[in-house]
Structures are given as C-alpha cells and as structure tokens.
Amino acid sequence: MDLNKLKNYTDFSKGLTADQEFDKVLEELHEYEEEVFARNINEIIAEGLDVMTAIYNHLIKVGMTKQDFKKHIEKLEKYRKTGKYGGLNA
C-alpha cells in the first residue's frame, strides 16, 4: 500500500475550511463506526479508508508539513524500539 497516493485526493477538500473538513472527518468516523457495529468487513475497510482520506485532508488544511510527518515516524520508531504499544520490538 502506498499511502502517498492520498496526496492525489486533496482536491476533495478544495474550497472547504479546516472546520468544514473536520466535519467531514466526523461524518466519515460515524459511518465507519456504524459498519464496525454491523461487523460488515468490506464496508469497515471502505469507510476506514474514507476516514484516512478525510483525516489526511484535514491535517493538510491545518498546516501539516513533511517535518511533522517525519517527527511522527520518528516517534513510532521510538515506540517500536522501547516496546510501547504491545512490545513490538524491531
């Protein structure tokens, strides 16, 4: 999976404010939640991907940078090395 491809769909939020895009995130989360409770695996995946797209677009709207993302990856690597979140050591 190449999550970088999400960058190709930021036009979905064109013309929206950050608040409007956040409303889209909440809408997508609600739809995801409904599918989780229904235990509909295909729709869980579809709605989860919609959530990821909406969140990515919202983060771009509020000013996420490559440096922010790099810091996040560094934090995840630190978690992996220290065993945080289930002891998944590299």
N, C-alpha and C. Protein backbone atom coordinates (compact mmCIF):
# COMPACT_ATOMS: atom_id res chain seq x y z
N MET A 1 0.84 -1.19 0.00
CA MET A 1 0.00 0.00 0.00
C MET A 1 0.88 1.24 0.00
N ASP A 2 0.56 2.16 -0.83
CA ASP A 2 1.30 3.40 -0.92
C ASP A 2 0.39 4.54 -0.45
N LEU A 3 0.51 4.87 0.83
CA LEU A 3 -0.34 5.92 1.39
C LEU A 3 -0.01 7.30 0.82
N ASN A 4 1.12 7.41 0.14
CA ASN A 4 1.45 8.68 -0.51
C ASN A 4 0.42 9.06 -1.57
N LYS A 5 -0.28 8.07 -2.09
CA LYS A 5 -1.30 8.35 -3.11
C LYS A 5 -2.44 9.20 -2.58
N LEU A 6 -2.61 9.26 -1.24
CA LEU A 6 -3.64 10.13 -0.68
C LEU A 6 -3.42 11.59 -1.07
N LYS A 7 -2.15 11.94 -1.32
CA LYS A 7 -1.84 13.32 -1.73
C LYS A 7 -2.56 13.70 -3.02
N ASN A 8 -2.92 12.70 -3.82
CA ASN A 8 -3.59 12.96 -5.09
C ASN A 8 -5.07 13.31 -4.93
N TYR A 9 -5.57 13.26 -3.70
CA TYR A 9 -7.00 13.47 -3.49
C TYR A 9 -7.30 14.61 -2.52
N THR A 10 -6.34 15.52 -2.37
CA THR A 10 -6.60 16.68 -1.51
C THR A 10 -7.59 17.63 -2.17
N ASP A 11 -7.82 17.47 -3.47
CA ASP A 11 -8.79 18.33 -4.15
C ASP A 11 -10.21 18.06 -3.66
N PHE A 12 -10.43 16.93 -2.96
CA PHE A 12 -11.75 16.65 -2.40
C PHE A 12 -12.14 17.70 -1.38
N SER A 13 -11.15 18.34 -0.78
CA SER A 13 -11.45 19.35 0.24
C SER A 13 -11.26 20.77 -0.29
N LYS A 14 -11.07 20.89 -1.60
CA LYS A 14 -10.88 22.22 -2.20
C LYS A 14 -12.09 23.09 -1.90
N GLY A 15 -11.83 24.29 -1.44
CA GLY A 15 -12.89 25.24 -1.14
C GLY A 15 -13.48 25.09 0.25
N LEU A 16 -13.06 24.06 0.98
CA LEU A 16 -13.56 23.87 2.34
C LEU A 16 -12.61 24.52 3.33
N THR A 17 -13.17 24.99 4.43
CA THR A 17 -12.34 25.48 5.53
C THR A 17 -11.87 24.27 6.33
N ALA A 18 -10.93 24.50 7.23
CA ALA A 18 -10.47 23.42 8.10
C ALA A 18 -11.63 22.89 8.95
N ASP A 19 -12.51 23.78 9.41
CA ASP A 19 -13.66 23.35 10.20
C ASP A 19 -14.61 22.48 9.38
N GLN A 20 -14.84 22.86 8.13
CA GLN A 20 -15.70 22.06 7.26
C GLN A 20 -15.08 20.70 6.98
N GLU A 21 -13.78 20.68 6.81
CA GLU A 21 -13.10 19.40 6.58
C GLU A 21 -13.15 18.54 7.83
N PHE A 22 -13.07 19.17 9.00
CA PHE A 22 -13.20 18.42 10.25
C PHE A 22 -14.59 17.80 10.36
N ASP A 23 -15.60 18.54 9.93
CA ASP A 23 -16.96 17.99 9.91
C ASP A 23 -17.02 16.75 9.02
N LYS A 24 -16.27 16.76 7.93
CA LYS A 24 -16.20 15.60 7.03
C LYS A 24 -15.54 14.43 7.75
N VAL A 25 -14.50 14.71 8.52
CA VAL A 25 -13.84 13.66 9.31
C VAL A 25 -14.86 13.01 10.26
N LEU A 26 -15.62 13.85 10.96
CA LEU A 26 -16.62 13.33 11.90
C LEU A 26 -17.68 12.50 11.18
N GLU A 27 -18.11 12.96 10.02
CA GLU A 27 -19.09 12.22 9.23
C GLU A 27 -18.55 10.84 8.85
N GLU A 28 -17.32 10.83 8.37
CA GLU A 28 -16.70 9.56 7.95
C GLU A 28 -16.48 8.64 9.16
N LEU A 29 -16.10 9.20 10.30
CA LEU A 29 -15.93 8.40 11.50
C LEU A 29 -17.25 7.75 11.93
N HIS A 30 -18.33 8.51 11.83
CA HIS A 30 -19.65 7.99 12.18
C HIS A 30 -20.02 6.82 11.26
N GLU A 31 -19.78 6.98 9.97
CA GLU A 31 -20.07 5.92 9.01
C GLU A 31 -19.21 4.68 9.30
N TYR A 32 -17.96 4.91 9.64
CA TYR A 32 -17.05 3.81 9.99
C TYR A 32 -17.57 3.07 11.23
N GLU A 33 -17.95 3.84 12.22
CA GLU A 33 -18.46 3.26 13.47
C GLU A 33 -19.69 2.38 13.20
N GLU A 34 -20.59 2.86 12.36
CA GLU A 34 -21.79 2.08 12.02
C GLU A 34 -21.41 0.74 11.41
N GLU A 35 -20.43 0.73 10.54
CA GLU A 35 -20.02 -0.52 9.88
C GLU A 35 -19.31 -1.45 10.85
N VAL A 36 -18.54 -0.88 11.79
CA VAL A 36 -17.89 -1.72 12.80
C VAL A 36 -18.95 -2.43 13.64
N PHE A 37 -19.97 -1.69 14.07
CA PHE A 37 -21.03 -2.31 14.87
C PHE A 37 -21.81 -3.34 14.06
N ALA A 38 -21.94 -3.12 12.76
CA ALA A 38 -22.64 -4.07 11.89
C ALA A 38 -21.75 -5.27 11.53
N ARG A 39 -20.46 -5.15 11.84
CA ARG A 39 -19.48 -6.20 11.55
C ARG A 39 -19.42 -6.53 10.05
N ASN A 40 -19.55 -5.51 9.25
CA ASN A 40 -19.51 -5.66 7.80
C ASN A 40 -18.08 -5.37 7.33
N ILE A 41 -17.29 -6.41 7.20
CA ILE A 41 -15.85 -6.25 6.95
C ILE A 41 -15.54 -5.42 5.70
N ASN A 42 -16.22 -5.69 4.60
CA ASN A 42 -15.94 -4.93 3.37
C ASN A 42 -16.21 -3.45 3.56
N GLU A 43 -17.30 -3.13 4.24
CA GLU A 43 -17.63 -1.72 4.47
C GLU A 43 -16.77 -1.10 5.55
N ILE A 44 -16.32 -1.90 6.53
CA ILE A 44 -15.37 -1.38 7.53
C ILE A 44 -14.12 -0.89 6.82
N ILE A 45 -13.62 -1.70 5.91
CA ILE A 45 -12.42 -1.32 5.16
C ILE A 45 -12.68 -0.08 4.31
N ALA A 46 -13.80 -0.08 3.58
CA ALA A 46 -14.11 1.06 2.71
C ALA A 46 -14.27 2.35 3.52
N GLU A 47 -15.01 2.29 4.61
CA GLU A 47 -15.22 3.50 5.42
C GLU A 47 -13.95 3.90 6.16
N GLY A 48 -13.14 2.91 6.58
CA GLY A 48 -11.87 3.23 7.23
C GLY A 48 -10.94 3.99 6.30
N LEU A 49 -10.92 3.58 5.05
CA LEU A 49 -10.11 4.30 4.07
C LEU A 49 -10.65 5.71 3.83
N ASP A 50 -11.98 5.86 3.85
CA ASP A 50 -12.56 7.20 3.75
C ASP A 50 -12.14 8.07 4.93
N VAL A 51 -12.10 7.46 6.13
CA VAL A 51 -11.65 8.19 7.32
C VAL A 51 -10.21 8.66 7.14
N MET A 52 -9.36 7.74 6.67
CA MET A 52 -7.95 8.10 6.46
C MET A 52 -7.81 9.26 5.48
N THR A 53 -8.59 9.23 4.40
CA THR A 53 -8.52 10.29 3.40
C THR A 53 -8.98 11.62 3.99
N ALA A 54 -10.09 11.60 4.72
CA ALA A 54 -10.61 12.83 5.32
C ALA A 54 -9.64 13.39 6.36
N ILE A 55 -9.06 12.52 7.18
CA ILE A 55 -8.10 12.99 8.18
C ILE A 55 -6.86 13.57 7.52
N TYR A 56 -6.36 12.89 6.50
CA TYR A 56 -5.19 13.42 5.77
C TYR A 56 -5.51 14.82 5.23
N ASN A 57 -6.66 14.97 4.59
CA ASN A 57 -7.03 16.26 4.03
C ASN A 57 -7.18 17.32 5.12
N HIS A 58 -7.72 16.94 6.27
CA HIS A 58 -7.85 17.89 7.36
C HIS A 58 -6.47 18.31 7.88
N LEU A 59 -5.58 17.35 8.03
CA LEU A 59 -4.23 17.69 8.50
C LEU A 59 -3.52 18.63 7.54
N ILE A 60 -3.71 18.44 6.25
CA ILE A 60 -3.15 19.36 5.26
C ILE A 60 -3.76 20.75 5.43
N LYS A 61 -5.07 20.80 5.64
CA LYS A 61 -5.76 22.10 5.81
C LYS A 61 -5.23 22.87 7.01
N VAL A 62 -4.89 22.13 8.10
CA VAL A 62 -4.43 22.83 9.30
C VAL A 62 -2.92 23.06 9.29
N GLY A 63 -2.24 22.64 8.21
CA GLY A 63 -0.84 23.01 8.04
C GLY A 63 0.18 21.92 8.30
N MET A 64 -0.21 20.65 8.26
CA MET A 64 0.77 19.58 8.45
C MET A 64 1.87 19.70 7.40
N THR A 65 3.11 19.50 7.86
CA THR A 65 4.26 19.59 6.96
C THR A 65 4.97 18.24 6.89
N LYS A 66 5.91 18.14 5.97
CA LYS A 66 6.74 16.94 5.88
C LYS A 66 7.51 16.73 7.18
N GLN A 67 7.93 17.82 7.80
CA GLN A 67 8.66 17.74 9.07
C GLN A 67 7.77 17.16 10.17
N ASP A 68 6.50 17.56 10.20
CA ASP A 68 5.56 17.00 11.18
C ASP A 68 5.45 15.49 10.99
N PHE A 69 5.34 15.07 9.75
CA PHE A 69 5.20 13.65 9.45
C PHE A 69 6.48 12.89 9.83
N LYS A 70 7.63 13.50 9.53
CA LYS A 70 8.91 12.89 9.87
C LYS A 70 9.01 12.69 11.38
N LYS A 71 8.60 13.69 12.16
CA LYS A 71 8.63 13.58 13.61
C LYS A 71 7.70 12.46 14.09
N HIS A 72 6.57 12.32 13.44
CA HIS A 72 5.63 11.25 13.80
C HIS A 72 6.25 9.88 13.56
N ILE A 73 6.89 9.70 12.42
CA ILE A 73 7.55 8.43 12.10
C ILE A 73 8.67 8.15 13.11
N GLU A 74 9.42 9.17 13.47
CA GLU A 74 10.48 9.00 14.46
C GLU A 74 9.89 8.56 15.81
N LYS A 75 8.75 9.12 16.18
CA LYS A 75 8.07 8.73 17.41
C LYS A 75 7.64 7.27 17.34
N LEU A 76 7.09 6.85 16.21
CA LEU A 76 6.68 5.46 16.05
C LEU A 76 7.87 4.51 16.14
N GLU A 77 8.98 4.91 15.55
CA GLU A 77 10.19 4.09 15.63
C GLU A 77 10.67 3.97 17.08
N LYS A 78 10.57 5.07 17.82
CA LYS A 78 10.95 5.04 19.24
C LYS A 78 10.03 4.09 19.99
N TYR A 79 8.74 4.14 19.72
CA TYR A 79 7.78 3.23 20.36
C TYR A 79 8.14 1.78 20.05
N ARG A 80 8.49 1.52 18.82
CA ARG A 80 8.84 0.16 18.42
C ARG A 80 10.07 -0.32 19.20
N LYS A 81 11.06 0.54 19.30
CA LYS A 81 12.31 0.16 19.98
C LYS A 81 12.12 -0.02 21.48
N THR A 82 11.22 0.76 22.08
CA THR A 82 11.02 0.67 23.52
C THR A 82 9.95 -0.33 23.92
N GLY A 83 9.26 -0.88 22.93
CA GLY A 83 8.24 -1.87 23.23
C GLY A 83 6.90 -1.28 23.61
N LYS A 84 6.75 0.03 23.48
CA LYS A 84 5.47 0.65 23.78
C LYS A 84 4.43 0.14 22.79
N TYR A 85 3.21 0.00 23.23
CA TYR A 85 2.10 -0.49 22.40
C TYR A 85 2.28 -1.95 22.02
N GLY A 86 2.38 -2.79 23.03
CA GLY A 86 2.35 -4.21 22.80
C GLY A 86 3.68 -4.89 22.66
N GLY A 87 4.76 -4.18 22.88
CA GLY A 87 6.06 -4.82 22.86
C GLY A 87 6.50 -5.28 21.50
N LEU A 88 6.16 -4.55 20.46
CA LEU A 88 6.58 -4.91 19.11
C LEU A 88 7.98 -4.40 18.86
N ASN A 89 8.97 -5.15 19.26
CA ASN A 89 10.36 -4.73 19.07
C ASN A 89 10.82 -5.03 17.66
N ALA A 90 11.64 -4.14 17.12
CA ALA A 90 12.14 -4.32 15.77
C ALA A 90 13.11 -5.47 15.68
